[in-house]
Amino acid sequence: MLKEYQTVSSISGPLVLVEQVEEARYGEIVEIEIGDGSIRHGQILQVENDKVLVQIFEGTEGIDVNTATVRMLGRPQELAVSKDILGRVFNGIGAPKDGGPEIIAEKRLNINGNPINPYARDYPNEFIQTGISTIDGLNPLVRGQKLPIFSGSGLPHDDLTAQLARQATVLGKGEQFAVVFAAMGITFEAAQFFINDLQKTGAIERAVMFINLANDPAIERIATPRVALTAAEYLAFEKDMHVLVILNDMTNYCEALRQISAARKEVPGRRGYPGYLYTDLATIYERAGRIKNKKGSITMVPVLTMPEDDKTHPVPDLTGYITEGQIILSRSLHRKAIAPPVDALPSLSRLKDKGIGKNKTREDHADLYNQLYAAYARGKECQELATILGEAALSDEDRKYMIYANEFERQYISQGYSENRTIEQTLDLGWQLLSMFEDAELKRIRVEYLQRYMPKFRKK
């Protein structure tokens, strides 16, 4: 029998304090019936003796402390899952948002999940093709990896994440692939852009979308990535699918966390964020990975906007500690109309060596990206020198590297948001760009690869 209480003592923002409560547990879901008979839902955030602090999903407006009835449901927040979630759009807490029927649950799973035993983790070592050259060619994404996108206000990270959701796939026969897309604190227009993009291209059939809008409650934003990862864990570890989870935008999630922390009157940490921000982010990011003896995998691409393009801001800073690299978008490339404006030099995939090579991508991949990267870095230095001293001050060799850097940005980095390049096309494009140099200048590529791949790109 459900326990009911009419002992609400105070309301502060989205929080309600209930007294004289027996056997309440942290994370338990509650219902609150207000004066007009409507029901709202909440979650216990804190338990102290016989007092509990409840956060209300739908907000506290209209709740009267004298007439509200609180029911403890005795269970954590859960998500109903079955294979039918594919192709559907849900709100931030897992209720259908696309006008379709409720999911007939194969099972109901706790959205907080279970931590993966470190001993049971398998090492990420298989390539995921995104169709984007700056990722596939220079910073390959590997199954089970966490590779965030660091963006800034006004940069086209929405276009890039939509392209990822549309194009990403695993190579090999008989592999099942799915995308779980969680949007937090985005505008209605952005939500419609993502939904329309996936529907128009048919990619919605293999996708599950969880949409939390900017005007939805903050507590729902806190639940959204956990709900999405619960769906991903079900598809990966129970249905043997390879799942790509895209979380956009984690900065909005952290702002919601800061808002709730302030309402709870907690002692603030850096820039007002709670002191447990690192731990909280880790509980989300560490749900990605591979498990030994399980066929499926969860690969995660969190997207976060850096306030004032500041990499030392707590959200990108702490994310960098937990994840395995970063893809950084460049404002200067965006101004040059290069799309997607991925800044190749500071971007990094720490697991790239594990997912490439013979029988994964191609044997020349590692040598090729080392040479492309080195030549581009030299070309950018030459561009800076030309800006300071004038192009006439450059040597012929410096001028060649500067031309290479411009061509690299124009052909390799810039491909638009609809071109889907295979890994072979990306690698061949790299060889084509390097063909302007003599073999002796390409010191980072083994001689046998130069002899095997370069002749077909040299002009006769």
Protein backbone atom coordinates (compact mmCIF):
# COMPACT_ATOMS: atom_id res chain seq x y z
CA MET A 1 0.00 0.00 0.00
CA LEU A 2 1.33 3.44 -0.95
CA LYS A 3 2.20 5.76 1.90
CA GLU A 4 0.56 9.20 1.71
CA TYR A 5 1.64 12.36 3.54
CA GLN A 6 0.07 15.81 3.90
CA THR A 7 3.11 17.22 5.67
CA VAL A 8 4.63 19.56 3.06
CA SER A 9 6.35 22.24 5.16
CA SER A 10 8.00 24.51 2.57
CA ILE A 11 8.54 25.12 -1.14
CA SER A 12 11.70 26.67 -2.64
CA GLY A 13 11.91 26.93 -6.43
CA PRO A 14 11.45 23.39 -7.82
CA LEU A 15 12.02 21.82 -4.37
CA VAL A 16 9.46 20.67 -1.80
CA LEU A 17 10.32 19.74 1.81
CA VAL A 18 8.14 16.97 3.28
CA GLU A 19 8.32 16.09 7.01
CA GLN A 20 7.37 13.08 9.18
CA VAL A 21 8.20 10.61 6.40
CA GLU A 22 9.00 6.96 7.12
CA GLU A 23 11.50 4.75 5.25
CA ALA A 24 12.09 7.09 2.30
CA ARG A 25 15.04 6.39 -0.01
CA TYR A 26 17.26 8.63 -2.11
CA GLY A 27 16.19 8.60 -5.78
CA GLU A 28 12.67 7.30 -5.04
CA ILE A 29 9.86 8.61 -7.26
CA VAL A 30 6.92 10.42 -5.66
CA GLU A 31 3.53 11.70 -6.82
CA ILE A 32 2.07 14.98 -5.56
CA GLU A 33 -1.68 15.53 -5.84
CA ILE A 34 -2.53 19.24 -5.72
CA GLY A 35 -5.78 21.07 -4.97
CA ASP A 36 -7.31 20.76 -8.46
CA GLY A 37 -6.81 16.97 -8.46
CA SER A 38 -3.94 16.97 -10.96
CA ILE A 39 -0.88 14.81 -10.34
CA ARG A 40 2.74 15.93 -10.54
CA HIS A 41 5.82 13.79 -10.27
CA GLY A 42 9.06 14.25 -8.42
CA GLN A 43 12.18 12.55 -7.15
CA ILE A 44 13.73 12.44 -3.68
CA LEU A 45 17.03 14.32 -3.71
CA GLN A 46 17.87 14.20 -0.01
CA VAL A 47 16.81 12.26 3.09
CA GLU A 48 17.58 13.49 6.60
CA ASN A 49 15.94 11.70 9.55
CA ASP A 50 12.18 12.02 8.87
CA LYS A 51 12.53 14.88 6.35
CA VAL A 52 12.86 14.46 2.59
CA LEU A 53 13.65 17.00 -0.12
CA VAL A 54 11.69 16.33 -3.33
CA GLN A 55 12.35 17.89 -6.72
CA ILE A 56 9.21 18.31 -8.84
CA PHE A 57 9.54 17.53 -12.56
CA GLU A 58 6.67 19.78 -13.69
CA GLY A 59 7.55 22.69 -11.36
CA THR A 60 5.95 23.79 -8.07
CA GLU A 61 3.63 26.54 -9.33
CA GLY A 62 0.13 26.11 -7.87
CA ILE A 63 1.13 23.70 -5.08
CA ASP A 64 -0.43 24.64 -1.71
CA VAL A 65 1.52 23.39 1.33
CA ASN A 66 -1.76 22.92 3.25
CA THR A 67 -3.62 20.74 0.74
CA ALA A 68 -0.94 18.89 -1.26
CA THR A 69 -0.81 15.10 -0.82
CA VAL A 70 2.53 13.34 -1.33
CA ARG A 71 2.69 9.60 -2.21
CA MET A 72 5.91 7.61 -2.03
CA LEU A 73 5.91 5.09 -4.92
CA GLY A 74 8.73 2.94 -3.49
CA ARG A 75 10.69 2.68 -6.76
CA PRO A 76 13.37 4.70 -8.59
CA GLN A 77 12.73 6.49 -11.89
CA GLU A 78 12.40 3.86 -14.62
CA LEU A 79 12.23 3.66 -18.41
CA ALA A 80 9.98 1.23 -20.28
CA VAL A 81 12.06 -0.46 -22.98
CA SER A 82 11.51 -2.82 -25.90
CA LYS A 83 12.83 -3.00 -29.48
CA ASP A 84 9.88 -0.70 -30.42
CA ILE A 85 11.71 2.35 -29.04
CA LEU A 86 13.66 2.51 -32.34
CA GLY A 87 12.20 5.14 -34.66
CA ARG A 88 10.45 6.99 -31.81
CA VAL A 89 10.75 10.46 -30.27
CA PHE A 90 10.35 10.88 -26.49
CA ASN A 91 10.50 13.77 -24.05
CA GLY A 92 13.33 14.11 -21.54
CA ILE A 93 11.93 11.52 -19.12
CA GLY A 94 10.92 8.92 -21.69
CA ALA A 95 7.25 9.70 -22.41
CA PRO A 96 6.27 9.56 -26.14
CA LYS A 97 6.45 12.97 -27.82
CA ASP A 98 5.68 11.97 -31.41
CA GLY A 99 1.96 11.24 -31.03
CA GLY A 100 2.61 7.48 -31.15
CA PRO A 101 1.38 4.90 -28.61
CA GLU A 102 2.99 4.18 -25.25
CA ILE A 103 5.77 1.58 -25.38
CA ILE A 104 4.61 -1.91 -24.35
CA ALA A 105 7.46 -2.64 -21.98
CA GLU A 106 9.55 -5.75 -22.36
CA LYS A 107 11.05 -4.61 -19.05
CA ARG A 108 11.40 -1.47 -16.93
CA LEU A 109 14.94 -0.34 -16.15
CA ASN A 110 16.28 2.00 -13.46
CA ILE A 111 17.57 5.08 -15.33
CA ASN A 112 20.58 5.38 -13.01
CA GLY A 113 21.91 2.11 -14.43
CA ASN A 114 24.55 -0.14 -12.94
CA PRO A 115 28.23 0.79 -13.08
CA ILE A 116 30.30 -1.40 -15.41
CA ASN A 117 32.77 -3.52 -13.44
CA PRO A 118 36.23 -2.29 -14.58
CA TYR A 119 37.42 -5.90 -14.80
CA ALA A 120 34.54 -6.70 -17.19
CA ARG A 121 35.34 -3.81 -19.56
CA ASP A 122 36.72 -4.69 -22.97
CA TYR A 123 39.20 -2.39 -24.71
CA PRO A 124 37.78 -0.25 -27.55
CA ASN A 125 39.49 -1.39 -30.77
CA GLU A 126 37.04 -1.31 -33.70
CA PHE A 127 36.52 1.57 -36.13
CA ILE A 128 33.26 3.53 -36.54
CA GLN A 129 32.92 5.32 -39.88
CA THR A 130 31.30 8.76 -39.58
CA GLY A 131 31.78 9.86 -43.19
CA ILE A 132 33.54 13.03 -41.92
CA SER A 133 37.19 13.20 -43.03
CA THR A 134 38.52 15.22 -40.09
CA ILE A 135 37.18 12.55 -37.73
CA ASP A 136 37.71 9.35 -39.78
CA GLY A 137 41.07 10.38 -41.22
CA LEU A 138 42.73 12.27 -38.36
CA ASN A 139 40.85 11.42 -35.14
CA PRO A 140 39.10 8.09 -35.69
CA LEU A 141 36.16 7.17 -33.47
CA VAL A 142 36.38 3.69 -31.93
CA ARG A 143 33.56 1.50 -30.61
CA GLY A 144 33.22 2.04 -26.88
CA GLN A 145 35.02 5.40 -26.91
CA LYS A 146 33.90 8.73 -25.39
CA LEU A 147 34.83 11.49 -27.86
CA PRO A 148 33.31 14.92 -27.05
CA ILE A 149 32.79 17.83 -29.44
CA PHE A 150 33.91 21.17 -27.95
CA SER A 151 32.03 24.00 -29.61
CA GLY A 152 31.19 27.65 -28.98
CA SER A 153 28.09 29.78 -29.09
CA GLY A 154 26.98 30.32 -32.69
CA LEU A 155 29.14 27.54 -34.16
CA PRO A 156 27.35 24.85 -36.24
CA HIS A 157 27.61 21.94 -33.79
CA ASP A 158 23.93 21.11 -34.42
CA ASP A 159 24.67 20.52 -38.14
CA LEU A 160 27.69 18.37 -37.26
CA THR A 161 25.79 16.22 -34.73
CA ALA A 162 22.89 15.76 -37.17
CA GLN A 163 25.44 14.62 -39.79
CA LEU A 164 26.96 12.18 -37.26
CA ALA A 165 23.54 10.75 -36.37
CA ARG A 166 22.69 10.37 -40.06
CA GLN A 167 25.96 8.96 -41.41
CA ALA A 168 27.72 7.00 -38.64
CA THR A 169 27.96 3.27 -39.21
CA VAL A 170 30.07 0.25 -38.32
CA LEU A 171 31.92 -1.64 -41.04
CA GLY A 172 31.43 -5.38 -41.44
CA LYS A 173 28.56 -7.67 -42.36
CA GLY A 174 25.66 -8.50 -40.04
CA GLU A 175 26.42 -5.70 -37.56
CA GLN A 176 23.37 -3.91 -36.13
CA PHE A 177 23.81 -0.18 -35.52
CA ALA A 178 21.60 2.33 -33.68
CA VAL A 179 21.80 5.98 -32.65
CA VAL A 180 20.43 7.30 -29.35
CA PHE A 181 20.11 11.08 -29.55
CA ALA A 182 19.52 13.10 -26.35
CA ALA A 183 18.96 16.86 -26.62
CA MET A 184 19.03 18.94 -23.43
CA GLY A 185 17.85 22.52 -23.10
CA ILE A 186 17.58 23.17 -26.85
CA THR A 187 15.09 25.44 -28.60
CA PHE A 188 11.93 24.17 -30.30
CA GLU A 189 13.43 25.12 -33.69
CA ALA A 190 16.59 23.09 -33.01
CA ALA A 191 14.51 20.10 -31.89
CA GLN A 192 12.46 20.24 -35.10
CA PHE A 193 15.67 20.51 -37.16
CA PHE A 194 17.02 17.26 -35.65
CA ILE A 195 13.71 15.39 -35.98
CA ASN A 196 13.09 16.57 -39.57
CA ASP A 197 16.69 15.81 -40.61
CA LEU A 198 16.52 12.21 -39.40
CA GLN A 199 13.00 11.67 -40.78
CA LYS A 200 13.86 13.13 -44.20
CA THR A 201 16.86 10.83 -44.63
CA GLY A 202 15.23 7.73 -43.13
CA ALA A 203 17.86 7.58 -40.35
CA ILE A 204 15.04 7.87 -37.78
CA GLU A 205 14.33 4.15 -38.33
CA ARG A 206 17.49 3.19 -36.46
CA ALA A 207 17.37 6.09 -33.97
CA VAL A 208 15.81 6.83 -30.58
CA MET A 209 15.39 10.52 -29.71
CA PHE A 210 14.94 12.10 -26.26
CA ILE A 211 14.15 15.82 -26.47
CA ASN A 212 14.26 18.20 -23.49
CA LEU A 213 13.41 21.77 -24.54
CA ALA A 214 14.78 24.96 -23.00
CA ASN A 215 11.44 25.70 -21.30
CA ASP A 216 11.14 22.20 -19.79
CA PRO A 217 11.92 21.75 -16.08
CA ALA A 218 15.55 21.58 -14.96
CA ILE A 219 15.02 18.26 -13.16
CA GLU A 220 13.91 16.72 -16.46
CA ARG A 221 17.20 17.94 -17.99
CA ILE A 222 19.09 16.12 -15.22
CA ALA A 223 17.26 12.87 -16.09
CA THR A 224 17.52 13.11 -19.92
CA PRO A 225 21.09 11.76 -20.45
CA ARG A 226 20.44 8.97 -17.94
CA VAL A 227 17.21 7.99 -19.70
CA ALA A 228 19.03 7.99 -23.05
CA LEU A 229 21.87 5.84 -21.72
CA THR A 230 19.38 3.38 -20.22
CA ALA A 231 17.86 2.93 -23.70
CA ALA A 232 21.40 2.57 -25.14
CA GLU A 233 22.37 -0.07 -22.54
CA TYR A 234 19.26 -2.08 -23.37
CA LEU A 235 19.95 -1.99 -27.14
CA ALA A 236 23.69 -2.68 -26.74
CA PHE A 237 23.90 -5.30 -24.03
CA GLU A 238 20.56 -7.05 -24.41
CA LYS A 239 19.92 -6.69 -28.17
CA ASP A 240 23.60 -6.92 -29.32
CA MET A 241 23.58 -3.61 -31.20
CA HIS A 242 26.40 -1.12 -31.62
CA VAL A 243 24.97 2.13 -30.27
CA LEU A 244 26.20 5.69 -30.81
CA VAL A 245 24.93 8.03 -28.07
CA ILE A 246 24.94 11.76 -28.88
CA LEU A 247 24.37 14.11 -25.91
CA ASN A 248 23.69 17.71 -27.00
CA ASP A 249 24.32 20.01 -25.08
CA MET A 250 26.10 18.95 -21.86
CA THR A 251 26.67 22.60 -20.88
CA ASN A 252 22.88 23.01 -20.56
CA TYR A 253 22.84 19.88 -18.38
CA CYS A 254 25.53 21.35 -16.10
CA GLU A 255 23.63 24.67 -15.89
CA ALA A 256 20.57 22.73 -14.68
CA LEU A 257 22.75 20.97 -12.11
CA ARG A 258 24.03 24.36 -10.90
CA GLN A 259 20.47 25.70 -10.69
CA ILE A 260 19.33 22.76 -8.56
CA SER A 261 22.44 22.97 -6.38
CA ALA A 262 21.72 26.66 -5.70
CA ALA A 263 18.09 25.85 -4.81
CA ARG A 264 19.39 23.27 -2.30
CA LYS A 265 21.70 25.96 -0.84
CA GLU A 266 24.79 23.80 -1.37
CA VAL A 267 28.26 25.28 -1.05
CA PRO A 268 29.29 26.25 -4.62
CA GLY A 269 32.54 25.19 -6.29
CA ARG A 270 34.25 26.67 -9.36
CA ARG A 271 32.08 29.32 -11.08
CA GLY A 272 29.10 28.37 -8.92
CA TYR A 273 28.92 24.75 -10.11
CA PRO A 274 28.49 22.15 -7.36
CA GLY A 275 31.64 20.56 -5.97
CA TYR A 276 30.46 17.14 -7.19
CA LEU A 277 30.27 18.20 -10.88
CA TYR A 278 33.19 15.92 -11.83
CA THR A 279 31.61 12.91 -10.09
CA ASP A 280 28.21 13.63 -11.63
CA LEU A 281 29.64 13.88 -15.16
CA ALA A 282 31.60 10.65 -14.60
CA THR A 283 28.37 8.78 -13.71
CA ILE A 284 27.14 9.69 -17.23
CA TYR A 285 30.30 9.34 -19.32
CA GLU A 286 31.46 6.08 -17.77
CA ARG A 287 28.30 4.28 -18.90
CA ALA A 288 29.85 4.10 -22.38
CA GLY A 289 32.10 1.21 -23.31
CA ARG A 290 32.28 -2.46 -24.23
CA ILE A 291 31.79 -5.47 -21.95
CA LYS A 292 33.65 -8.75 -22.34
CA ASN A 293 31.56 -11.54 -23.87
CA LYS A 294 28.90 -9.03 -24.99
CA LYS A 295 28.57 -8.33 -28.70
CA GLY A 296 27.13 -4.80 -28.40
CA SER A 297 28.90 -1.56 -27.53
CA ILE A 298 28.09 2.02 -26.47
CA THR A 299 30.08 4.83 -28.07
CA MET A 300 29.45 8.34 -26.79
CA VAL A 301 29.78 11.77 -28.41
CA PRO A 302 28.87 14.47 -25.86
CA VAL A 303 28.54 17.96 -27.34
CA LEU A 304 29.28 20.97 -25.15
CA THR A 305 29.46 24.68 -25.83
CA MET A 306 32.36 26.44 -24.14
CA PRO A 307 31.23 29.78 -22.65
CA GLU A 308 33.34 32.53 -24.28
CA ASP A 309 35.25 29.73 -26.13
CA ASP A 310 37.10 29.06 -22.87
CA LYS A 311 38.64 25.56 -22.72
CA THR A 312 39.45 26.05 -19.03
CA HIS A 313 35.74 26.48 -18.14
CA PRO A 314 34.75 23.73 -15.64
CA VAL A 315 32.47 21.85 -18.07
CA PRO A 316 35.01 21.25 -20.93
CA ASP A 317 37.87 21.02 -18.42
CA LEU A 318 36.30 18.21 -16.38
CA THR A 319 34.91 16.52 -19.50
CA GLY A 320 38.46 16.37 -20.88
CA TYR A 321 39.66 14.48 -17.81
CA ILE A 322 36.98 11.78 -18.14
CA THR A 323 36.80 11.29 -21.91
CA GLU A 324 39.32 10.06 -24.51
CA GLY A 325 40.06 13.13 -26.58
CA GLN A 326 38.07 15.99 -28.10
CA ILE A 327 36.94 17.36 -31.46
CA ILE A 328 37.25 21.16 -31.34
CA LEU A 329 35.32 23.50 -33.64
CA SER A 330 37.14 26.63 -34.82
CA ARG A 331 35.58 30.07 -35.06
CA SER A 332 38.24 31.25 -37.56
CA LEU A 333 37.52 28.30 -39.92
CA HIS A 334 33.78 29.00 -39.58
CA ARG A 335 34.41 32.60 -40.69
CA LYS A 336 36.18 31.22 -43.79
CA ALA A 337 32.95 29.26 -44.61
CA ILE A 338 34.69 25.92 -44.03
CA ALA A 339 32.13 23.33 -43.01
CA PRO A 340 32.36 21.50 -40.69
CA PRO A 341 34.88 23.91 -39.08
CA VAL A 342 36.85 21.22 -37.21
CA ASP A 343 40.19 22.53 -35.92
CA ALA A 344 42.50 19.64 -36.78
CA LEU A 345 45.52 20.73 -34.72
CA PRO A 346 44.11 20.76 -31.14
CA SER A 347 41.58 17.97 -31.85
CA LEU A 348 42.59 14.56 -30.59
CA SER A 349 41.32 11.00 -30.35
CA ARG A 350 43.39 9.19 -27.73
CA LEU A 351 42.24 5.77 -28.95
CA LYS A 352 42.76 6.39 -32.68
CA ASP A 353 45.68 3.96 -32.96
CA LYS A 354 43.47 1.13 -31.62
CA GLY A 355 40.80 1.34 -34.31
CA ILE A 356 42.82 1.68 -37.51
CA GLY A 357 45.24 -0.33 -39.62
CA LYS A 358 45.06 -3.48 -41.71
CA ASN A 359 41.65 -5.25 -41.64
CA LYS A 360 40.14 -2.25 -39.79
CA THR A 361 40.64 0.75 -42.10
CA ARG A 362 43.80 0.45 -44.23
CA GLU A 363 47.46 -0.30 -43.54
CA ASP A 364 48.66 3.19 -44.53
CA HIS A 365 46.22 5.05 -42.26
CA ALA A 366 48.53 5.78 -39.28
CA ASP A 367 51.48 6.97 -41.37
CA LEU A 368 49.18 9.04 -43.56
CA TYR A 369 47.46 10.97 -40.74
CA ASN A 370 50.84 11.66 -39.08
CA GLN A 371 52.14 13.19 -42.33
CA LEU A 372 48.95 15.15 -43.05
CA TYR A 373 48.97 16.56 -39.52
CA ALA A 374 52.68 17.49 -39.60
CA ALA A 375 52.40 19.20 -43.00
CA TYR A 376 49.27 21.12 -41.93
CA ALA A 377 50.97 22.29 -38.71
CA ARG A 378 53.97 23.53 -40.75
CA GLY A 379 51.61 25.23 -43.22
CA LYS A 380 49.77 27.09 -40.43
CA GLU A 381 53.12 28.36 -39.10
CA CYS A 382 53.96 29.62 -42.57
CA GLN A 383 50.57 31.37 -42.79
CA GLU A 384 51.31 33.18 -39.53
CA LEU A 385 54.78 34.16 -40.78
CA ALA A 386 53.26 35.53 -43.99
CA THR A 387 50.80 37.60 -41.92
CA ILE A 388 53.65 39.12 -39.88
CA LEU A 389 56.45 39.46 -42.47
CA GLY A 390 54.58 39.37 -45.77
CA GLU A 391 54.47 36.51 -48.28
CA ALA A 392 57.58 37.79 -50.08
CA ALA A 393 59.66 36.94 -47.00
CA LEU A 394 58.81 33.24 -47.25
CA SER A 395 61.09 30.66 -48.87
CA ASP A 396 59.83 28.55 -51.78
CA GLU A 397 59.46 25.60 -49.39
CA ASP A 398 57.45 27.69 -46.91
CA ARG A 399 55.22 28.90 -49.73
CA LYS A 400 54.53 25.29 -50.77
CA TYR A 401 53.46 24.39 -47.23
CA MET A 402 51.21 27.45 -47.07
CA ILE A 403 49.50 26.43 -50.31
CA TYR A 404 49.13 22.90 -48.90
CA ALA A 405 47.47 24.24 -45.70
CA ASN A 406 44.95 26.24 -47.75
CA GLU A 407 44.15 23.23 -49.97
CA PHE A 408 43.91 20.96 -46.92
CA GLU A 409 41.27 23.25 -45.40
CA ARG A 410 39.41 23.69 -48.69
CA GLN A 411 39.33 20.03 -49.79
CA TYR A 412 39.93 17.80 -46.77
CA ILE A 413 38.33 19.65 -43.84
CA SER A 414 35.54 21.35 -45.78
CA GLN A 415 33.07 18.82 -47.13
CA GLY A 416 29.69 20.29 -46.14
CA TYR A 417 27.07 18.57 -44.00
CA SER A 418 25.65 16.19 -46.59
CA GLU A 419 28.74 14.55 -48.12
CA ASN A 420 29.31 11.07 -46.70
CA ARG A 421 32.89 9.94 -47.49
CA THR A 422 33.98 6.35 -47.10
CA ILE A 423 37.25 5.76 -45.26
CA GLU A 424 38.88 4.83 -48.60
CA GLN A 425 37.80 8.17 -50.12
CA THR A 426 39.19 10.04 -47.10
CA LEU A 427 42.55 8.22 -47.26
CA ASP A 428 42.84 8.67 -51.04
CA LEU A 429 42.11 12.40 -50.66
CA GLY A 430 44.99 12.59 -48.16
CA TRP A 431 47.39 10.99 -50.66
CA GLN A 432 46.18 13.34 -53.38
CA LEU A 433 46.96 16.40 -51.21
CA LEU A 434 50.42 15.06 -50.31
CA SER A 435 51.25 14.47 -53.99
CA MET A 436 52.45 18.10 -54.25
CA PHE A 437 55.51 17.13 -52.14
CA GLU A 438 58.52 15.07 -53.22
CA ASP A 439 58.83 11.62 -51.65
CA ALA A 440 61.93 12.72 -49.71
CA GLU A 441 59.87 15.40 -47.92
CA LEU A 442 57.32 12.85 -46.65
CA LYS A 443 59.47 11.60 -43.80
CA ARG A 444 56.61 10.18 -41.71
CA ILE A 445 55.40 7.65 -44.28
CA ARG A 446 57.15 4.32 -44.76
CA VAL A 447 58.85 3.84 -48.11
CA GLU A 448 56.75 0.77 -49.03
CA TYR A 449 53.52 2.77 -48.57
CA LEU A 450 54.88 5.63 -50.68
CA GLN A 451 55.75 3.18 -53.45
CA ARG A 452 52.38 1.43 -53.21
CA TYR A 453 49.96 4.37 -52.94
CA MET A 454 51.61 7.54 -54.21
CA PRO A 455 52.22 6.71 -57.94
CA LYS A 456 48.48 6.74 -58.80
CA PHE A 457 48.15 10.32 -57.47
CA ARG A 458 51.27 11.77 -59.09
CA LYS A 459 50.55 13.84 -62.22
CA LYS A 460 52.04 12.16 -65.27
